[in-house]
Structure formats: C-alpha cells, structure tokens
Amino acid sequence: MTSMKKRITAALTATILATVLTVSAIAAEAPSIRVSSYKGSTLEVGERSGLIIGPSGADYTVTSSDPDTVAVEQVLTFWVAVAKTVGTAEITASNSAGEHGSMTLTVGSTTPAAPEAPASGDSAGLTDNLEIRQEMIRLINQTRKANEVPELPVSEALMNAAQACSDRRYTWHHAPEESQAAAEAGYPYGFGDNLTVFTGTADAAQRAVDNWIHSPGHFETMINPRCDCIGVGVTQYDGITYCYMFVGIPNSINFYA
C-alpha cells in the first residue's frame, strides 16, 4: 500500500511539474514584435532608413546595441535608423508589456546594391523618396494634432500600397486599382486616400500637405478621426511629383480584399 501511494505521489508530482514547465514556457514566449528597415538590413555610412515596427498602433521604445554604429531617432510616431560607422548593431523595439523584437543592421563602407526596379522602370522601388514620405507623415500628423484628432502610426501595408499607386503616376483617382493595391499589400479593411500632382520636386512634402489642407474634401480625409494608421507614397518623374496618402479605417470593407 505504501509503495502504491509513493507511485501515485510520484506520478502526480511529475504531472504537476510538467504542467508548471509548460505554463512557464508559454509565459516566457512573449508575442513577437516585428522590426524591419525600409532600406533592408545593410546600410551605407551616412544613410538613414525608416524602421517598420508592428503590430501598428502601439507605443514602442527603440534602442541600438551600438549607437556609435547605428543610432536611432524618433520622429513623432515613427523611428529612423542612422548609419554612423562600419559595423553591426542590433535594433530592439519593446513595449510597456515587456514584449520585444529585434533586427540586425549592418553598415558597410560601400554603397549597398540598389533595390530591384519595378516593372515600369520609372522608379527605384518602395524605398524611393523615403525622407520626403516621412516628412509628409510628420506634417499630416501635425495637422491632425492641431485639429484635435489622434496622430496616426505608420502601416507597412499602406506605405507599400500608396507607393505602388504613386509609381503608376496617376493624375486622378483610380478607385478599383487603389483598392486592389491596398488588398495586395495586405491591408484588410477599407481606407480613405488623397492624391495630388504638381510640377516641380522641391518642398514636395509641404506642397502636398498644403494642397490637401486647402481642399475641403481632402482635408476631411486627412483629419478623419475614424482612421487608425497611415501610409504615403511619393514618386518624382520628369520634373513632376505624384503624392498619395492612404489612411486605414478599421472594420470597414474593401471589396477587393
């Protein structure tokens, strides 16, 4: 009888221990935060690259394991990596819940390979005009804040959709194609979008946002309080600037998605 009790106790102890270990493993496995760079994992000294951090809609703290090699800067709702010297650094994003994710950036002394051009051959791809696009987002969020609506985090999907549309150099809205671009980029809901086209390439971000501010319909789209994320695209071709803004509207329908 004593031997039987010992065997039962040992079995229960093993079961409890296995359960505790399983629960601990689950607790230790924090949901991943995605971190990537618009210009890829290799930068040239002096280059700046926007960081894509997801899920969107959260506040993140971003650090570099070696700020002398790659520094990080926050510009309103997005983060930028700045390549300082040759070497590598791990970029880590974390949130208030203790979840984190990271990526490694390598800084080389020579220019990294150029991204593959899209089929049209008229643009260098989704990393085109990144600094202009970041400035557009800053100005749009500045306008939203001035009108007492929340600033918008960057959506990787809408950034890609907006750039895909600007690369087509539309001069008026093409609703089916814009909806398909958002769906193909991975954004599952409906959205609002603005388009502006103008001659010249100087002060592009400011000119685009000014155009939208001074157009009532475009302005309402820009400050729509229902929106929860943003993406912008800029293409400059033959002295003409084409700018798109996509703002996501959660729980709405994109019939192409």
Protein backbone atom coordinates (compact mmCIF):
# COMPACT_ATOMS: atom_id res chain seq x y z
CA MET A 1 0.00 0.00 0.00
CA THR A 2 2.82 2.38 0.91
CA SER A 3 4.56 1.55 -2.36
CA MET A 4 1.36 2.28 -4.30
CA LYS A 5 0.99 5.68 -2.57
CA LYS A 6 4.58 6.51 -3.44
CA ARG A 7 4.00 5.66 -7.11
CA ILE A 8 0.80 7.77 -7.21
CA THR A 9 2.56 10.68 -5.49
CA ALA A 10 5.48 10.48 -7.92
CA ALA A 11 3.14 10.44 -10.91
CA LEU A 12 1.17 13.43 -9.62
CA THR A 13 4.40 15.31 -8.91
CA ALA A 14 5.66 14.64 -12.45
CA THR A 15 2.34 15.78 -13.92
CA ILE A 16 2.31 18.98 -11.88
CA LEU A 17 5.93 19.68 -12.77
CA ALA A 18 5.26 19.16 -16.48
CA THR A 19 2.25 21.50 -16.27
CA VAL A 20 4.29 24.17 -14.48
CA LEU A 21 7.07 23.91 -17.06
CA THR A 22 4.55 24.18 -19.90
CA VAL A 23 2.89 27.25 -18.37
CA SER A 24 6.28 28.83 -17.73
CA ALA A 25 7.33 28.22 -21.33
CA ILE A 26 4.13 29.84 -22.60
CA ALA A 27 4.58 32.81 -20.28
CA ALA A 28 8.17 33.24 -21.36
CA GLU A 29 7.25 33.23 -25.05
CA ALA A 30 6.15 36.86 -25.42
CA PRO A 31 4.25 37.76 -28.60
CA SER A 32 6.77 38.86 -31.18
CA ILE A 33 7.21 42.45 -32.32
CA ARG A 34 8.25 42.75 -35.95
CA VAL A 35 11.14 45.08 -36.72
CA SER A 36 12.42 45.77 -40.22
CA SER A 37 14.06 48.57 -42.20
CA TYR A 38 12.76 50.16 -45.39
CA LYS A 39 16.24 50.07 -46.92
CA GLY A 40 16.94 46.50 -45.87
CA SER A 41 19.43 45.12 -43.37
CA THR A 42 22.51 46.71 -44.96
CA LEU A 43 23.14 50.45 -44.99
CA GLU A 44 25.95 52.70 -46.16
CA VAL A 45 27.67 55.07 -43.76
CA GLY A 46 25.55 58.22 -43.56
CA GLU A 47 22.33 56.56 -44.73
CA ARG A 48 19.04 56.93 -42.88
CA SER A 49 16.31 54.31 -43.04
CA GLY A 50 12.80 54.33 -41.59
CA LEU A 51 12.01 51.42 -39.28
CA ILE A 52 8.84 49.39 -39.71
CA ILE A 53 7.57 48.16 -36.35
CA GLY A 54 4.48 46.05 -35.93
CA PRO A 55 1.84 45.46 -34.81
CA SER A 56 0.97 49.09 -35.50
CA GLY A 57 -0.97 51.26 -33.08
CA ALA A 58 1.32 50.73 -30.08
CA ASP A 59 3.95 52.89 -28.43
CA TYR A 60 7.42 51.41 -28.72
CA THR A 61 10.81 52.15 -27.21
CA VAL A 62 13.60 51.52 -29.71
CA THR A 63 17.26 51.10 -28.78
CA SER A 64 20.50 50.24 -30.54
CA SER A 65 23.07 47.84 -29.11
CA ASP A 66 25.79 50.12 -30.53
CA PRO A 67 24.64 53.73 -31.09
CA ASP A 68 28.09 54.65 -32.37
CA THR A 69 27.50 52.28 -35.30
CA VAL A 70 23.74 52.72 -35.79
CA ALA A 71 21.84 55.39 -33.89
CA VAL A 72 18.04 55.52 -33.63
CA GLU A 73 15.90 58.65 -33.65
CA GLN A 74 12.18 59.10 -33.06
CA VAL A 75 10.28 61.45 -35.37
CA LEU A 76 6.75 61.77 -33.97
CA THR A 77 5.19 58.32 -34.40
CA PHE A 78 7.99 56.57 -36.31
CA TRP A 79 11.62 55.64 -35.79
CA VAL A 80 14.64 56.11 -38.03
CA ALA A 81 17.97 54.26 -38.04
CA VAL A 82 21.06 56.34 -38.80
CA ALA A 83 24.20 54.55 -40.03
CA LYS A 84 27.26 56.09 -38.37
CA THR A 85 30.27 53.81 -38.87
CA VAL A 86 31.12 50.43 -40.39
CA GLY A 87 29.95 47.53 -38.21
CA THR A 88 26.77 45.88 -36.97
CA ALA A 89 24.18 46.77 -34.37
CA GLU A 90 21.05 45.10 -33.09
CA ILE A 91 17.97 47.31 -33.12
CA THR A 92 15.40 46.33 -30.48
CA ALA A 93 11.82 47.55 -30.11
CA SER A 94 9.89 46.94 -26.89
CA ASN A 95 6.54 47.95 -25.46
CA SER A 96 5.13 48.57 -21.99
CA ALA A 97 4.03 44.93 -21.71
CA GLY A 98 7.63 43.74 -21.92
CA GLU A 99 7.28 42.30 -25.42
CA HIS A 100 10.14 42.89 -27.79
CA GLY A 101 11.55 42.19 -31.22
CA SER A 102 14.80 42.99 -32.95
CA MET A 103 16.74 43.06 -36.19
CA THR A 104 20.42 43.36 -37.06
CA LEU A 105 21.62 46.24 -39.22
CA THR A 106 25.00 46.06 -40.95
CA VAL A 107 26.77 49.24 -42.00
CA GLY A 108 29.17 48.85 -44.92
CA SER A 109 31.73 51.21 -46.38
CA THR A 110 30.41 50.84 -49.94
CA THR A 111 27.03 51.55 -51.42
CA PRO A 112 24.69 48.58 -50.97
CA ALA A 113 23.12 47.03 -54.03
CA ALA A 114 20.26 49.09 -55.38
CA PRO A 115 16.80 47.58 -54.94
CA GLU A 116 15.29 46.00 -57.99
CA ALA A 117 13.27 48.43 -60.06
CA PRO A 118 9.58 47.76 -60.61
CA ALA A 119 8.35 46.62 -63.97
CA SER A 120 7.69 50.17 -65.17
CA GLY A 121 11.39 51.03 -64.81
CA ASP A 122 10.47 54.57 -63.76
CA SER A 123 11.19 54.29 -60.03
CA ALA A 124 13.74 52.64 -57.79
CA GLY A 125 11.06 50.84 -55.78
CA LEU A 126 9.34 51.13 -52.43
CA THR A 127 12.32 52.79 -50.75
CA ASP A 128 12.08 55.78 -53.10
CA ASN A 129 11.87 59.25 -51.56
CA LEU A 130 11.69 57.85 -48.02
CA GLU A 131 12.69 61.08 -46.31
CA ILE A 132 10.01 63.01 -48.22
CA ARG A 133 7.47 60.39 -47.22
CA GLN A 134 8.50 60.58 -43.58
CA GLU A 135 8.19 64.37 -43.67
CA MET A 136 4.72 64.04 -45.20
CA ILE A 137 3.67 61.79 -42.33
CA ARG A 138 5.07 64.27 -39.81
CA LEU A 139 3.15 67.15 -41.41
CA ILE A 140 -0.08 65.14 -41.67
CA ASN A 141 0.14 64.13 -38.02
CA GLN A 142 0.94 67.71 -37.09
CA THR A 143 -2.24 68.79 -38.90
CA ARG A 144 -4.29 66.09 -37.18
CA LYS A 145 -2.97 67.08 -33.77
CA ALA A 146 -3.81 70.74 -34.45
CA ASN A 147 -7.35 69.63 -35.24
CA GLU A 148 -7.60 67.55 -32.03
CA VAL A 149 -7.64 64.10 -33.60
CA PRO A 150 -5.07 61.38 -32.81
CA GLU A 151 -1.81 61.10 -34.72
CA LEU A 152 -1.52 58.01 -36.89
CA PRO A 153 1.07 55.23 -36.71
CA VAL A 154 2.67 54.07 -39.94
CA SER A 155 1.24 50.96 -41.61
CA GLU A 156 3.75 48.98 -43.66
CA ALA A 157 0.93 47.69 -45.88
CA LEU A 158 -0.46 51.16 -46.60
CA MET A 159 3.03 52.58 -47.20
CA ASN A 160 3.54 49.91 -49.85
CA ALA A 161 0.07 50.41 -51.36
CA ALA A 162 0.47 54.19 -51.54
CA GLN A 163 3.90 53.91 -53.13
CA ALA A 164 2.65 51.36 -55.65
CA CYS A 165 -0.08 53.81 -56.71
CA SER A 166 2.20 56.85 -56.87
CA ASP A 167 4.62 54.84 -59.01
CA ARG A 168 1.82 54.44 -61.57
CA ARG A 169 1.77 58.25 -61.88
CA TYR A 170 -1.99 58.59 -61.73
CA THR A 171 -3.31 62.13 -62.18
CA TRP A 172 -6.81 61.26 -60.94
CA HIS A 173 -8.19 58.58 -58.64
CA HIS A 174 -8.48 55.02 -59.94
CA ALA A 175 -10.66 53.51 -57.19
CA PRO A 176 -10.54 49.82 -58.24
CA GLU A 177 -6.77 49.86 -58.74
CA GLU A 178 -6.22 51.69 -55.43
CA SER A 179 -8.40 49.17 -53.59
CA GLN A 180 -6.55 46.28 -55.22
CA ALA A 181 -3.21 47.82 -54.24
CA ALA A 182 -4.27 48.02 -50.58
CA ALA A 183 -5.54 44.45 -50.62
CA GLU A 184 -2.44 43.09 -52.35
CA ALA A 185 -0.22 44.90 -49.84
CA GLY A 186 -2.03 43.12 -47.01
CA TYR A 187 -4.34 45.79 -45.58
CA PRO A 188 -7.67 44.03 -44.89
CA TYR A 189 -10.07 46.95 -44.39
CA GLY A 190 -11.39 49.97 -46.23
CA PHE A 191 -9.45 53.20 -46.35
CA GLY A 192 -9.50 56.83 -47.39
CA ASP A 193 -6.97 58.22 -49.83
CA ASN A 194 -5.74 61.55 -51.17
CA LEU A 195 -3.86 62.22 -54.40
CA THR A 196 -2.06 65.36 -55.50
CA VAL A 197 0.15 66.02 -58.52
CA PHE A 198 2.23 69.14 -59.15
CA THR A 199 5.10 70.42 -61.25
CA GLY A 200 8.49 70.55 -59.51
CA THR A 201 10.22 68.46 -56.88
CA ALA A 202 11.28 71.00 -54.22
CA ASP A 203 9.49 71.09 -50.83
CA ALA A 204 7.38 68.16 -52.01
CA ALA A 205 6.06 67.09 -48.60
CA GLN A 206 4.95 70.58 -47.62
CA ARG A 207 3.36 71.28 -51.01
CA ALA A 208 1.42 68.00 -50.94
CA VAL A 209 0.04 68.57 -47.46
CA ASP A 210 -0.74 72.23 -48.21
CA ASN A 211 -2.71 71.14 -51.29
CA TRP A 212 -4.77 68.77 -49.17
CA ILE A 213 -5.31 71.33 -46.40
CA HIS A 214 -6.72 73.81 -48.91
CA SER A 215 -9.11 71.28 -50.49
CA PRO A 216 -12.12 70.64 -48.18
CA GLY A 217 -12.68 67.03 -49.20
CA HIS A 218 -9.01 66.10 -48.98
CA PHE A 219 -8.70 67.91 -45.66
CA GLU A 220 -11.62 65.94 -44.17
CA THR A 221 -9.97 62.69 -45.25
CA MET A 222 -6.68 63.76 -43.66
CA ILE A 223 -8.23 64.56 -40.25
CA ASN A 224 -10.82 61.74 -40.23
CA PRO A 225 -10.98 60.59 -36.57
CA ARG A 226 -12.04 57.06 -37.61
CA CYS A 227 -8.65 56.36 -39.16
CA ASP A 228 -6.07 54.36 -37.21
CA CYS A 229 -2.98 54.16 -39.47
CA ILE A 230 -1.33 55.83 -42.44
CA GLY A 231 0.83 55.20 -45.47
CA VAL A 232 2.13 57.62 -48.08
CA GLY A 233 3.79 57.33 -51.47
CA VAL A 234 5.89 59.82 -53.44
CA THR A 235 7.15 59.45 -57.00
CA GLN A 236 9.11 62.16 -58.82
CA TYR A 237 9.41 61.67 -62.56
CA ASP A 238 10.42 64.07 -65.31
CA GLY A 239 10.01 67.11 -63.05
CA ILE A 240 6.54 66.08 -61.82
CA THR A 241 5.72 64.98 -58.25
CA TYR A 242 2.96 62.44 -57.58
CA CYS A 243 1.84 62.01 -53.94
CA TYR A 244 -0.60 59.59 -52.35
CA MET A 245 -1.90 59.32 -48.79
CA PHE A 246 -3.74 56.19 -47.62
CA VAL A 247 -5.43 56.23 -44.17
CA GLY A 248 -6.83 52.98 -42.81
CA ILE A 249 -10.39 52.73 -41.50
CA PRO A 250 -10.67 49.68 -39.23
CA ASN A 251 -13.67 47.36 -39.52
CA SER A 252 -14.74 48.91 -42.81
CA ILE A 253 -14.87 46.92 -46.06
CA ASN A 254 -12.56 46.81 -49.04
CA PHE A 255 -14.44 44.70 -51.56
CA TYR A 256 -11.15 43.72 -53.21
CA ALA A 257 -9.64 42.29 -50.01
